[in-house]
Amino acid sequence: MAHELAEANGKTNMAYFGETPWHGLGTKLDNPATAAEAIVAAGLDYDVNLVPLITTEGRPVPQRKATVRSDNGAVLGVVGNTYTPIQNARAFEFLDFVVADRGLRYHTAGALGRGERIWMLAKMPGHIRVKASDDITEKYLLLSNSHDGTTALRTFFTPIRVVCANTLSIAHRQGRQQGISILHKGDLQAKVQEAQKVLGIAHRFYEETELKIDQLASHYPTLQQLDEFFSSLFPDPVENPDRSRAGQTRQDLFHLFEGGRGQDIPAIRHTTWAALNAVTEYVDNHRSTRAPNPVDRASRRLQSQWFGSGARIKERAWELALAMVG
């Protein structure tokens, strides 16, 4: 499936608030005061309706319904009869209770595909400063929901390294699921408690992450460890005799380890943290992405680095890097 930015009525469903985001997508707007204002600004102010399915012969399709976007009639997916859509306004309104308390500020909101995947990115206060150096990682909270039945409403923690604007992908796992599920209860007190719960988990997560990053930045891998690290992430194919592509990727990673953005900072140079950053820079900026134009390529890259194969590569790199220093 293509994952270009969604559009409706000639308007791209993407907006950012404050500084230009690292992915360069969207239209700059004034900082919104509420989640509802952010949703309108990003063109996410549409409902998702359930519509019965019929065959071309007019026969009803049992146990299945289509999710349809209210503003342009786009079919977003096919779901079971028990599926209940969470509307965009409902999905993100609890963030207001955190923003009002100055715990977060809105950063980016948008939709991918035909509008079946939506997200809102919020920036947390403070940052991670690696080994008291100029290497700073900002702390973000990413909320995402789908209208095609493929994913639940989830919250992800998404650290972004300032010097190169690359994203880490560190899954907070509950069982086999990634991220934190968001409950939607009707009363005001429940929403406040849910917002406080998510923010509390986020603060603990980033405290632990800062300690782990310092561990990575205090470890200097041998050439053999570095080769094994990159080979585990991009191994030679077993069945395909042409191994040049994987080999070229590993060579690119070595080059990024030595000369990538931010790799010249003395406190982190030639460390396992630098090796991890070589992977994130490759995935976010150099990995091949096919699309007919630069905007669509940026959109597909964003989809991959947050939700797709790029995120899985970076999660694996994080796990392997911690194992190397452990």
C-alpha atoms as a PDB file:
ATOM      1  CA  MET A   1       0.000   0.000   0.000  1.00  0.00           C
ATOM      2  CA  ALA A   2       1.210   3.492  -0.766  1.00  0.00           C
ATOM      3  CA  HIS A   3       1.645   5.723   2.249  1.00  0.00           C
ATOM      4  CA  GLU A   4       1.678   9.219   0.791  1.00  0.00           C
ATOM      5  CA  LEU A   5       0.198  12.042   2.814  1.00  0.00           C
ATOM      6  CA  ALA A   6      -3.590  11.952   2.761  1.00  0.00           C
ATOM      7  CA  GLU A   7      -5.469  14.729   0.973  1.00  0.00           C
ATOM      8  CA  ALA A   8      -9.057  15.979   0.900  1.00  0.00           C
ATOM      9  CA  ASN A   9     -10.635  18.823  -1.039  1.00  0.00           C
ATOM     10  CA  GLY A  10      -7.221  19.853  -2.316  1.00  0.00           C
ATOM     11  CA  LYS A  11      -5.782  20.091   1.197  1.00  0.00           C
ATOM     12  CA  THR A  12      -2.908  17.956   2.446  1.00  0.00           C
ATOM     13  CA  ASN A  13      -3.648  16.355   5.815  1.00  0.00           C
ATOM     14  CA  MET A  14      -0.496  17.500   7.547  1.00  0.00           C
ATOM     15  CA  ALA A  15       0.436  20.492   9.690  1.00  0.00           C
ATOM     16  CA  TYR A  16       3.186  21.424  12.097  1.00  0.00           C
ATOM     17  CA  PHE A  17       3.277  23.897  14.926  1.00  0.00           C
ATOM     18  CA  GLY A  18       6.339  25.902  15.970  1.00  0.00           C
ATOM     19  CA  GLU A  19       9.692  24.947  14.480  1.00  0.00           C
ATOM     20  CA  THR A  20       9.917  23.132  11.150  1.00  0.00           C
ATOM     21  CA  PRO A  21       9.861  19.346  11.781  1.00  0.00           C
ATOM     22  CA  TRP A  22      12.808  17.203  10.772  1.00  0.00           C
ATOM     23  CA  HIS A  23      10.870  15.458   7.986  1.00  0.00           C
ATOM     24  CA  GLY A  24      10.045  18.794   6.298  1.00  0.00           C
ATOM     25  CA  LEU A  25       6.415  17.870   5.599  1.00  0.00           C
ATOM     26  CA  GLY A  26       3.295  19.922   6.185  1.00  0.00           C
ATOM     27  CA  THR A  27       2.197  23.534   6.454  1.00  0.00           C
ATOM     28  CA  LYS A  28       3.377  25.833   9.227  1.00  0.00           C
ATOM     29  CA  LEU A  29       0.579  27.137  11.452  1.00  0.00           C
ATOM     30  CA  ASP A  30       0.266  29.046  14.703  1.00  0.00           C
ATOM     31  CA  ASN A  31       0.569  26.952  17.836  1.00  0.00           C
ATOM     32  CA  PRO A  32      -2.882  25.524  18.587  1.00  0.00           C
ATOM     33  CA  ALA A  33      -4.318  25.786  22.088  1.00  0.00           C
ATOM     34  CA  THR A  34      -6.234  22.504  21.980  1.00  0.00           C
ATOM     35  CA  ALA A  35      -6.137  19.141  20.275  1.00  0.00           C
ATOM     36  CA  ALA A  36      -9.331  20.072  18.426  1.00  0.00           C
ATOM     37  CA  GLU A  37      -7.588  23.109  16.902  1.00  0.00           C
ATOM     38  CA  ALA A  38      -4.612  20.960  15.897  1.00  0.00           C
ATOM     39  CA  ILE A  39      -6.921  18.444  14.238  1.00  0.00           C
ATOM     40  CA  VAL A  40      -8.690  21.155  12.229  1.00  0.00           C
ATOM     41  CA  ALA A  41      -5.384  22.744  11.201  1.00  0.00           C
ATOM     42  CA  ALA A  42      -4.069  19.401   9.955  1.00  0.00           C
ATOM     43  CA  GLY A  43      -7.271  18.578   8.060  1.00  0.00           C
ATOM     44  CA  LEU A  44      -8.110  15.694  10.364  1.00  0.00           C
ATOM     45  CA  ASP A  45     -11.563  17.031  11.234  1.00  0.00           C
ATOM     46  CA  TYR A  46     -13.450  14.217   9.513  1.00  0.00           C
ATOM     47  CA  ASP A  47     -15.514  11.387  10.926  1.00  0.00           C
ATOM     48  CA  VAL A  48     -15.213   7.727  10.013  1.00  0.00           C
ATOM     49  CA  ASN A  49     -18.492   5.949   9.296  1.00  0.00           C
ATOM     50  CA  LEU A  50     -19.331   2.250   9.035  1.00  0.00           C
ATOM     51  CA  VAL A  51     -21.038   1.293   5.765  1.00  0.00           C
ATOM     52  CA  PRO A  52     -22.463  -2.169   4.897  1.00  0.00           C
ATOM     53  CA  LEU A  53     -20.694  -3.992   2.090  1.00  0.00           C
ATOM     54  CA  ILE A  54     -22.443  -5.408  -0.949  1.00  0.00           C
ATOM     55  CA  THR A  55     -21.176  -7.325  -3.951  1.00  0.00           C
ATOM     56  CA  THR A  56     -21.386  -5.986  -7.494  1.00  0.00           C
ATOM     57  CA  GLU A  57     -24.553  -8.083  -7.831  1.00  0.00           C
ATOM     58  CA  GLY A  58     -26.115  -6.279  -4.880  1.00  0.00           C
ATOM     59  CA  ARG A  59     -25.735  -9.085  -2.358  1.00  0.00           C
ATOM     60  CA  PRO A  60     -24.843  -8.097   1.229  1.00  0.00           C
ATOM     61  CA  VAL A  61     -21.456  -9.217   2.556  1.00  0.00           C
ATOM     62  CA  PRO A  62     -22.008 -10.718   6.028  1.00  0.00           C
ATOM     63  CA  GLN A  63     -19.827  -9.870   9.044  1.00  0.00           C
ATOM     64  CA  ARG A  64     -17.996  -7.107   7.224  1.00  0.00           C
ATOM     65  CA  LYS A  65     -18.314  -3.332   6.906  1.00  0.00           C
ATOM     66  CA  ALA A  66     -16.320  -0.615   5.201  1.00  0.00           C
ATOM     67  CA  THR A  67     -14.839   2.319   7.087  1.00  0.00           C
ATOM     68  CA  VAL A  68     -15.552   5.435   5.045  1.00  0.00           C
ATOM     69  CA  ARG A  69     -14.194   8.941   5.451  1.00  0.00           C
ATOM     70  CA  SER A  70     -17.023  11.470   5.863  1.00  0.00           C
ATOM     71  CA  ASP A  71     -15.544  14.443   4.005  1.00  0.00           C
ATOM     72  CA  ASN A  72     -14.576  12.806   0.714  1.00  0.00           C
ATOM     73  CA  GLY A  73     -16.120   9.318   0.790  1.00  0.00           C
ATOM     74  CA  ALA A  74     -12.762   7.525   0.668  1.00  0.00           C
ATOM     75  CA  VAL A  75     -12.923   3.894   1.752  1.00  0.00           C
ATOM     76  CA  LEU A  76     -10.265   3.452   4.422  1.00  0.00           C
ATOM     77  CA  GLY A  77     -10.589  -0.267   5.116  1.00  0.00           C
ATOM     78  CA  VAL A  78     -12.809  -3.293   5.684  1.00  0.00           C
ATOM     79  CA  VAL A  79     -13.522  -4.371   9.259  1.00  0.00           C
ATOM     80  CA  GLY A  80     -15.651  -6.840  11.199  1.00  0.00           C
ATOM     81  CA  ASN A  81     -19.117  -6.120  12.567  1.00  0.00           C
ATOM     82  CA  THR A  82     -17.803  -5.614  16.094  1.00  0.00           C
ATOM     83  CA  TYR A  83     -15.394  -2.850  15.081  1.00  0.00           C
ATOM     84  CA  THR A  84     -16.120   0.599  16.485  1.00  0.00           C
ATOM     85  CA  PRO A  85     -14.147   3.530  15.035  1.00  0.00           C
ATOM     86  CA  ILE A  86     -12.459   5.980  17.381  1.00  0.00           C
ATOM     87  CA  GLN A  87     -12.995   9.396  15.842  1.00  0.00           C
ATOM     88  CA  ASN A  88      -9.990  11.670  15.426  1.00  0.00           C
ATOM     89  CA  ALA A  89     -11.259  14.265  17.894  1.00  0.00           C
ATOM     90  CA  ARG A  90     -11.899  11.553  20.456  1.00  0.00           C
ATOM     91  CA  ALA A  91      -8.507   9.959  19.877  1.00  0.00           C
ATOM     92  CA  PHE A  92      -6.472  12.977  20.863  1.00  0.00           C
ATOM     93  CA  GLU A  93      -8.640  15.094  23.137  1.00  0.00           C
ATOM     94  CA  PHE A  94      -7.115  13.683  26.328  1.00  0.00           C
ATOM     95  CA  LEU A  95      -3.798  15.339  25.325  1.00  0.00           C
ATOM     96  CA  ASP A  96      -5.324  18.691  26.250  1.00  0.00           C
ATOM     97  CA  PHE A  97      -5.152  17.751  29.918  1.00  0.00           C
ATOM     98  CA  VAL A  98      -1.393  17.250  29.645  1.00  0.00           C
ATOM     99  CA  VAL A  99      -0.751  20.302  27.462  1.00  0.00           C
ATOM    100  CA  ALA A 100      -2.848  22.484  29.772  1.00  0.00           C
ATOM    101  CA  ASP A 101      -0.580  21.403  32.616  1.00  0.00           C
ATOM    102  CA  ARG A 102       2.434  22.383  30.477  1.00  0.00           C
ATOM    103  CA  GLY A 103       3.618  18.799  30.360  1.00  0.00           C
ATOM    104  CA  LEU A 104       3.590  18.679  26.542  1.00  0.00           C
ATOM    105  CA  ARG A 105       3.250  20.952  23.549  1.00  0.00           C
ATOM    106  CA  TYR A 106       1.828  20.068  20.161  1.00  0.00           C
ATOM    107  CA  HIS A 107       4.338  19.607  17.373  1.00  0.00           C
ATOM    108  CA  THR A 108       2.972  17.739  14.355  1.00  0.00           C
ATOM    109  CA  ALA A 109      -0.296  16.172  13.253  1.00  0.00           C
ATOM    110  CA  GLY A 110      -1.132  14.355  10.048  1.00  0.00           C
ATOM    111  CA  ALA A 111      -2.564  11.417   8.159  1.00  0.00           C
ATOM    112  CA  LEU A 112      -1.089   8.846   5.806  1.00  0.00           C
ATOM    113  CA  GLY A 113      -2.563   6.927   2.906  1.00  0.00           C
ATOM    114  CA  ARG A 114      -6.188   7.930   2.302  1.00  0.00           C
ATOM    115  CA  GLY A 115      -6.499   8.962   5.948  1.00  0.00           C
ATOM    116  CA  GLU A 116      -6.545   5.483   7.468  1.00  0.00           C
ATOM    117  CA  ARG A 117      -3.508   6.212   9.667  1.00  0.00           C
ATOM    118  CA  ILE A 118      -3.461   9.383  11.765  1.00  0.00           C
ATOM    119  CA  TRP A 119      -0.986  10.683  14.292  1.00  0.00           C
ATOM    120  CA  MET A 120      -0.191  13.554  16.592  1.00  0.00           C
ATOM    121  CA  LEU A 121       3.321  14.241  17.873  1.00  0.00           C
ATOM    122  CA  ALA A 122       3.829  16.110  21.146  1.00  0.00           C
ATOM    123  CA  LYS A 123       7.111  17.341  22.585  1.00  0.00           C
ATOM    124  CA  MET A 124       7.889  16.681  26.225  1.00  0.00           C
ATOM    125  CA  PRO A 125       9.799  19.146  28.396  1.00  0.00           C
ATOM    126  CA  GLY A 126      13.518  18.679  28.880  1.00  0.00           C
ATOM    127  CA  HIS A 127      15.999  16.655  26.859  1.00  0.00           C
ATOM    128  CA  ILE A 128      18.670  13.981  27.075  1.00  0.00           C
ATOM    129  CA  ARG A 129      22.253  15.300  27.018  1.00  0.00           C
ATOM    130  CA  VAL A 130      24.650  12.450  26.268  1.00  0.00           C
ATOM    131  CA  LYS A 131      27.629  12.375  28.643  1.00  0.00           C
ATOM    132  CA  ALA A 132      27.244  16.130  29.344  1.00  0.00           C
ATOM    133  CA  SER A 133      28.189  16.826  25.718  1.00  0.00           C
ATOM    134  CA  ASP A 134      26.587  18.772  22.873  1.00  0.00           C
ATOM    135  CA  ASP A 135      24.825  15.594  21.723  1.00  0.00           C
ATOM    136  CA  ILE A 136      21.187  16.263  22.655  1.00  0.00           C
ATOM    137  CA  THR A 137      18.150  14.065  22.112  1.00  0.00           C
ATOM    138  CA  GLU A 138      14.671  15.562  22.414  1.00  0.00           C
ATOM    139  CA  LYS A 139      11.808  13.642  24.007  1.00  0.00           C
ATOM    140  CA  TYR A 140       8.574  13.149  22.081  1.00  0.00           C
ATOM    141  CA  LEU A 141       5.295  11.323  22.566  1.00  0.00           C
ATOM    142  CA  LEU A 142       3.661   9.939  19.423  1.00  0.00           C
ATOM    143  CA  LEU A 143      -0.018   8.989  19.374  1.00  0.00           C
ATOM    144  CA  SER A 144      -1.266   6.967  16.449  1.00  0.00           C
ATOM    145  CA  ASN A 145      -4.560   5.409  15.418  1.00  0.00           C
ATOM    146  CA  SER A 146      -5.805   3.552  12.355  1.00  0.00           C
ATOM    147  CA  HIS A 147      -9.234   3.491  10.742  1.00  0.00           C
ATOM    148  CA  ASP A 148      -8.749   0.262   8.811  1.00  0.00           C
ATOM    149  CA  GLY A 149      -8.645  -2.151  11.746  1.00  0.00           C
ATOM    150  CA  THR A 150      -4.923  -2.878  11.463  1.00  0.00           C
ATOM    151  CA  THR A 151      -3.804  -1.185  14.697  1.00  0.00           C
ATOM    152  CA  ALA A 152      -5.262   0.073  17.935  1.00  0.00           C
ATOM    153  CA  LEU A 153      -4.873   3.558  19.327  1.00  0.00           C
ATOM    154  CA  ARG A 154      -1.344   3.541  20.701  1.00  0.00           C
ATOM    155  CA  THR A 155       1.195   5.828  22.324  1.00  0.00           C
ATOM    156  CA  PHE A 156       4.861   5.499  21.356  1.00  0.00           C
ATOM    157  CA  PHE A 157       7.965   7.138  22.778  1.00  0.00           C
ATOM    158  CA  THR A 158      10.007   8.651  19.982  1.00  0.00           C
ATOM    159  CA  PRO A 159      13.375  10.207  20.912  1.00  0.00           C
ATOM    160  CA  ILE A 160      14.793  12.473  18.190  1.00  0.00           C
ATOM    161  CA  ARG A 161      18.514  13.272  18.092  1.00  0.00           C
ATOM    162  CA  VAL A 162      18.849  16.997  17.467  1.00  0.00           C
ATOM    163  CA  VAL A 163      22.224  17.104  15.714  1.00  0.00           C
ATOM    164  CA  CYS A 164      21.032  14.874  12.869  1.00  0.00           C
ATOM    165  CA  ALA A 165      17.234  14.896  13.395  1.00  0.00           C
ATOM    166  CA  ASN A 166      17.127  11.089  13.350  1.00  0.00           C
ATOM    167  CA  THR A 167      14.522   9.157  15.288  1.00  0.00           C
ATOM    168  CA  LEU A 168      15.147   6.293  17.640  1.00  0.00           C
ATOM    169  CA  SER A 169      12.609   3.507  17.696  1.00  0.00           C
ATOM    170  CA  ILE A 170      12.471   2.006  21.158  1.00  0.00           C
ATOM    171  CA  ALA A 171       9.316  -0.034  21.609  1.00  0.00           C
ATOM    172  CA  HIS A 172       7.581  -0.029  24.953  1.00  0.00           C
ATOM    173  CA  ARG A 173       6.187  -3.536  24.893  1.00  0.00           C
ATOM    174  CA  GLN A 174       3.144  -4.927  26.625  1.00  0.00           C
ATOM    175  CA  GLY A 175       2.904  -8.591  25.769  1.00  0.00           C
ATOM    176  CA  ARG A 176       3.210  -8.827  22.007  1.00  0.00           C
ATOM    177  CA  GLN A 177       1.980  -5.277  21.389  1.00  0.00           C
ATOM    178  CA  GLN A 178       4.117  -2.183  21.007  1.00  0.00           C
ATOM    179  CA  GLY A 179       3.344   1.062  22.735  1.00  0.00           C
ATOM    180  CA  ILE A 180       0.714   1.866  25.336  1.00  0.00           C
ATOM    181  CA  SER A 181      -3.011   1.493  24.741  1.00  0.00           C
ATOM    182  CA  ILE A 182      -5.168   4.521  25.445  1.00  0.00           C
ATOM    183  CA  LEU A 183      -8.526   4.005  27.151  1.00  0.00           C
ATOM    184  CA  HIS A 184     -11.480   6.209  26.277  1.00  0.00           C
ATOM    185  CA  LYS A 185     -13.804   6.710  29.195  1.00  0.00           C
ATOM    186  CA  GLY A 186     -16.441   9.382  29.161  1.00  0.00           C
ATOM    187  CA  ASP A 187     -16.010  11.218  32.438  1.00  0.00           C
ATOM    188  CA  LEU A 188     -13.603  14.108  32.845  1.00  0.00           C
ATOM    189  CA  GLN A 189     -11.718  12.680  35.808  1.00  0.00           C
ATOM    190  CA  ALA A 190     -10.946   9.455  33.927  1.00  0.00           C
ATOM    191  CA  LYS A 191      -9.442  11.431  31.033  1.00  0.00           C
ATOM    192  CA  VAL A 192      -7.268  13.435  33.392  1.00  0.00           C
ATOM    193  CA  GLN A 193      -6.075  10.272  35.124  1.00  0.00           C
ATOM    194  CA  GLU A 194      -5.337   8.593  31.787  1.00  0.00           C
ATOM    195  CA  ALA A 195      -3.295  11.585  30.599  1.00  0.00           C
ATOM    196  CA  GLN A 196      -1.345  11.657  33.851  1.00  0.00           C
ATOM    197  CA  LYS A 197      -0.735   7.916  33.614  1.00  0.00           C
ATOM    198  CA  VAL A 198       0.709   8.139  30.098  1.00  0.00           C
ATOM    199  CA  LEU A 199       2.876  11.124  31.002  1.00  0.00           C
ATOM    200  CA  GLY A 200       4.157   9.364  34.130  1.00  0.00           C
ATOM    201  CA  ILE A 201       5.124   6.285  32.115  1.00  0.00           C
ATOM    202  CA  ALA A 202       6.815   8.533  29.552  1.00  0.00           C
ATOM    203  CA  HIS A 203       8.914  10.289  32.202  1.00  0.00           C
ATOM    204  CA  ARG A 204      10.069   6.953  33.664  1.00  0.00           C
ATOM    205  CA  PHE A 205      10.785   5.618  30.190  1.00  0.00           C
ATOM    206  CA  TYR A 206      13.009   8.562  29.296  1.00  0.00           C
ATOM    207  CA  GLU A 207      14.859   8.431  32.605  1.00  0.00           C
ATOM    208  CA  GLU A 208      15.747   4.804  31.881  1.00  0.00           C
ATOM    209  CA  THR A 209      16.574   5.599  28.260  1.00  0.00           C
ATOM    210  CA  GLU A 210      19.007   8.341  29.281  1.00  0.00           C
ATOM    211  CA  LEU A 211      20.928   5.889  31.457  1.00  0.00           C
ATOM    212  CA  LYS A 212      21.080   3.349  28.638  1.00  0.00           C
ATOM    213  CA  ILE A 213      22.252   5.929  26.103  1.00  0.00           C
ATOM    214  CA  ASP A 214      25.078   6.949  28.440  1.00  0.00           C
ATOM    215  CA  GLN A 215      26.033   3.265  28.662  1.00  0.00           C
ATOM    216  CA  LEU A 216      26.174   3.036  24.880  1.00  0.00           C
ATOM    217  CA  ALA A 217      28.214   6.250  24.707  1.00  0.00           C
ATOM    218  CA  SER A 218      30.727   4.872  27.221  1.00  0.00           C
ATOM    219  CA  HIS A 219      31.400   1.656  25.291  1.00  0.00           C
ATOM    220  CA  TYR A 220      33.917   1.446  22.432  1.00  0.00           C
ATOM    221  CA  PRO A 221      33.263  -1.572  20.197  1.00  0.00           C
ATOM    222  CA  THR A 222      36.032  -3.499  18.537  1.00  0.00           C
ATOM    223  CA  LEU A 223      36.107  -3.763  14.752  1.00  0.00           C
ATOM    224  CA  GLN A 224      34.816  -7.326  15.054  1.00  0.00           C
ATOM    225  CA  GLN A 225      31.913  -6.232  17.281  1.00  0.00           C
ATOM    226  CA  LEU A 226      31.050  -3.464  14.870  1.00  0.00           C
ATOM    227  CA  ASP A 227      31.108  -5.828  11.912  1.00  0.00           C
ATOM    228  CA  GLU A 228      28.895  -8.331  13.748  1.00  0.00           C
ATOM    229  CA  PHE A 229      26.491  -5.550  14.746  1.00  0.00           C
ATOM    230  CA  PHE A 230      25.990  -4.326  11.183  1.00  0.00           C
ATOM    231  CA  SER A 231      25.947  -7.883   9.780  1.00  0.00           C
ATOM    232  CA  SER A 232      23.195  -8.906  12.191  1.00  0.00           C
ATOM    233  CA  LEU A 233      21.043  -6.035  10.961  1.00  0.00           C
ATOM    234  CA  PHE A 234      21.818  -6.453   7.261  1.00  0.00           C
ATOM    235  CA  PRO A 235      23.016 -10.043   6.697  1.00  0.00           C
ATOM    236  CA  ASP A 236      23.920 -11.545   3.352  1.00  0.00           C
ATOM    237  CA  PRO A 237      20.913 -13.349   1.819  1.00  0.00           C
ATOM    238  CA  VAL A 238      21.067 -17.118   2.099  1.00  0.00           C
ATOM    239  CA  GLU A 239      19.320 -18.037  -1.136  1.00  0.00           C
ATOM    240  CA  ASN A 240      20.210 -15.078  -3.337  1.00  0.00           C
ATOM    241  CA  PRO A 241      23.789 -15.378  -4.624  1.00  0.00           C
ATOM    242  CA  ASP A 242      23.953 -11.619  -5.246  1.00  0.00           C
ATOM    243  CA  ARG A 243      25.108 -10.266  -1.910  1.00  0.00           C
ATOM    244  CA  SER A 244      26.339  -6.931  -3.166  1.00  0.00           C
ATOM    245  CA  ARG A 245      23.357  -4.979  -1.835  1.00  0.00           C
ATOM    246  CA  ALA A 246      23.761  -6.092   1.787  1.00  0.00           C
ATOM    247  CA  GLY A 247      27.493  -5.617   1.538  1.00  0.00           C
ATOM    248  CA  GLN A 248      27.057  -2.094   0.202  1.00  0.00           C
ATOM    249  CA  THR A 249      24.651  -1.283   3.039  1.00  0.00           C
ATOM    250  CA  ARG A 250      27.179  -2.418   5.635  1.00  0.00           C
ATOM    251  CA  GLN A 251      29.873  -0.382   3.914  1.00  0.00           C
ATOM    252  CA  ASP A 252      27.560   2.654   4.060  1.00  0.00           C
ATOM    253  CA  LEU A 253      27.033   2.037   7.776  1.00  0.00           C
ATOM    254  CA  PHE A 254      30.784   2.001   8.412  1.00  0.00           C
ATOM    255  CA  HIS A 255      31.081   5.314   6.557  1.00  0.00           C
ATOM    256  CA  LEU A 256      28.255   6.811   8.642  1.00  0.00           C
ATOM    257  CA  PHE A 257      29.881   5.473  11.815  1.00  0.00           C
ATOM    258  CA  GLU A 258      33.014   7.407  10.919  1.00  0.00           C
ATOM    259  CA  GLY A 259      31.618  10.503   9.259  1.00  0.00           C
ATOM    260  CA  GLY A 260      27.859  10.719   9.761  1.00  0.00           C
ATOM    261  CA  ARG A 261      26.139  13.780  11.154  1.00  0.00           C
ATOM    262  CA  GLY A 262      27.123  14.383  14.768  1.00  0.00           C
ATOM    263  CA  GLN A 263      29.657  11.575  14.806  1.00  0.00           C
ATOM    264  CA  ASP A 264      32.516  14.036  15.303  1.00  0.00           C
ATOM    265  CA  ILE A 265      31.342  14.975  18.812  1.00  0.00           C
ATOM    266  CA  PRO A 266      34.301  13.854  20.973  1.00  0.00           C
ATOM    267  CA  ALA A 267      32.202  12.371  23.770  1.00  0.00           C
ATOM    268  CA  ILE A 268      30.461   9.883  21.468  1.00  0.00           C
ATOM    269  CA  ARG A 269      32.941   9.343  18.624  1.00  0.00           C
ATOM    270  CA  HIS A 270      33.631   5.654  17.866  1.00  0.00           C
ATOM    271  CA  THR A 271      31.249   4.467  20.613  1.00  0.00           C
ATOM    272  CA  THR A 272      28.378   2.014  20.421  1.00  0.00           C
ATOM    273  CA  TRP A 273      26.050   5.025  20.576  1.00  0.00           C
ATOM    274  CA  ALA A 274      27.736   6.253  17.381  1.00  0.00           C
ATOM    275  CA  ALA A 275      27.188   2.819  15.823  1.00  0.00           C
ATOM    276  CA  LEU A 276      23.481   3.006  16.672  1.00  0.00           C
ATOM    277  CA  ASN A 277      23.304   6.500  15.200  1.00  0.00           C
ATOM    278  CA  ALA A 278      24.856   5.224  11.983  1.00  0.00           C
ATOM    279  CA  VAL A 279      21.895   2.863  11.673  1.00  0.00           C
ATOM    280  CA  THR A 280      19.284   5.530  12.450  1.00  0.00           C
ATOM    281  CA  GLU A 281      20.830   7.949   9.962  1.00  0.00           C
ATOM    282  CA  TYR A 282      20.896   5.273   7.282  1.00  0.00           C
ATOM    283  CA  VAL A 283      17.268   4.257   7.849  1.00  0.00           C
ATOM    284  CA  ASP A 284      15.931   7.815   8.123  1.00  0.00           C
ATOM    285  CA  ASN A 285      17.945   9.450   5.346  1.00  0.00           C
ATOM    286  CA  HIS A 286      19.751   7.013   3.057  1.00  0.00           C
ATOM    287  CA  ARG A 287      17.696   3.828   2.801  1.00  0.00           C
ATOM    288  CA  SER A 288      16.113   3.455  -0.618  1.00  0.00           C
ATOM    289  CA  THR A 289      12.535   4.770  -0.813  1.00  0.00           C
ATOM    290  CA  ARG A 290      10.582   4.611  -4.049  1.00  0.00           C
ATOM    291  CA  ALA A 291       7.987   7.264  -4.848  1.00  0.00           C
ATOM    292  CA  PRO A 292       7.199   9.507  -7.826  1.00  0.00           C
ATOM    293  CA  ASN A 293       8.171  12.790  -6.137  1.00  0.00           C
ATOM    294  CA  PRO A 294      10.124  14.152  -3.133  1.00  0.00           C
ATOM    295  CA  VAL A 295       7.031  14.790  -0.974  1.00  0.00           C
ATOM    296  CA  ASP A 296       5.769  11.236  -1.401  1.00  0.00           C
ATOM    297  CA  ARG A 297       9.253   9.862  -0.707  1.00  0.00           C
ATOM    298  CA  ALA A 298       9.434  11.867   2.521  1.00  0.00           C
ATOM    299  CA  SER A 299       5.972  10.629   3.496  1.00  0.00           C
ATOM    300  CA  ARG A 300       6.819   6.979   2.845  1.00  0.00           C
ATOM    301  CA  ARG A 301      10.080   7.375   4.738  1.00  0.00           C
ATOM    302  CA  LEU A 302       8.171   8.828   7.689  1.00  0.00           C
ATOM    303  CA  GLN A 303       5.719   5.923   7.591  1.00  0.00           C
ATOM    304  CA  SER A 304       8.609   3.440   7.573  1.00  0.00           C
ATOM    305  CA  GLN A 305      10.670   5.057  10.328  1.00  0.00           C
ATOM    306  CA  TRP A 306       7.697   5.343  12.699  1.00  0.00           C
ATOM    307  CA  PHE A 307       5.469   2.387  11.885  1.00  0.00           C
ATOM    308  CA  GLY A 308       7.074   0.097   9.310  1.00  0.00           C
ATOM    309  CA  SER A 309      10.244  -1.774   8.431  1.00  0.00           C
ATOM    310  CA  GLY A 310      12.507   1.140   9.331  1.00  0.00           C
ATOM    311  CA  ALA A 311      11.121   1.182  12.874  1.00  0.00           C
ATOM    312  CA  ARG A 312      11.706  -2.565  13.193  1.00  0.00           C
ATOM    313  CA  ILE A 313      15.327  -2.224  12.032  1.00  0.00           C
ATOM    314  CA  LYS A 314      15.970   0.513  14.588  1.00  0.00           C
ATOM    315  CA  GLU A 315      14.288  -1.451  17.388  1.00  0.00           C
ATOM    316  CA  ARG A 316      16.527  -4.400  16.563  1.00  0.00           C
ATOM    317  CA  ALA A 317      19.600  -2.125  16.456  1.00  0.00           C
ATOM    318  CA  TRP A 318      18.749  -0.754  19.915  1.00  0.00           C
ATOM    319  CA  GLU A 319      18.418  -4.272  21.343  1.00  0.00           C
ATOM    320  CA  LEU A 320      21.688  -5.441  19.750  1.00  0.00           C
ATOM    321  CA  ALA A 321      23.562  -2.351  20.913  1.00  0.00           C
ATOM    322  CA  LEU A 322      22.439  -2.862  24.514  1.00  0.00           C
ATOM    323  CA  ALA A 323      23.416  -6.523  24.284  1.00  0.00           C
ATOM    324  CA  MET A 324      26.869  -5.496  23.060  1.00  0.00           C
ATOM    325  CA  VAL A 325      27.547  -3.321  26.085  1.00  0.00           C
ATOM    326  CA  GLY A 326      25.915  -5.740  28.520  1.00  0.00           C
END
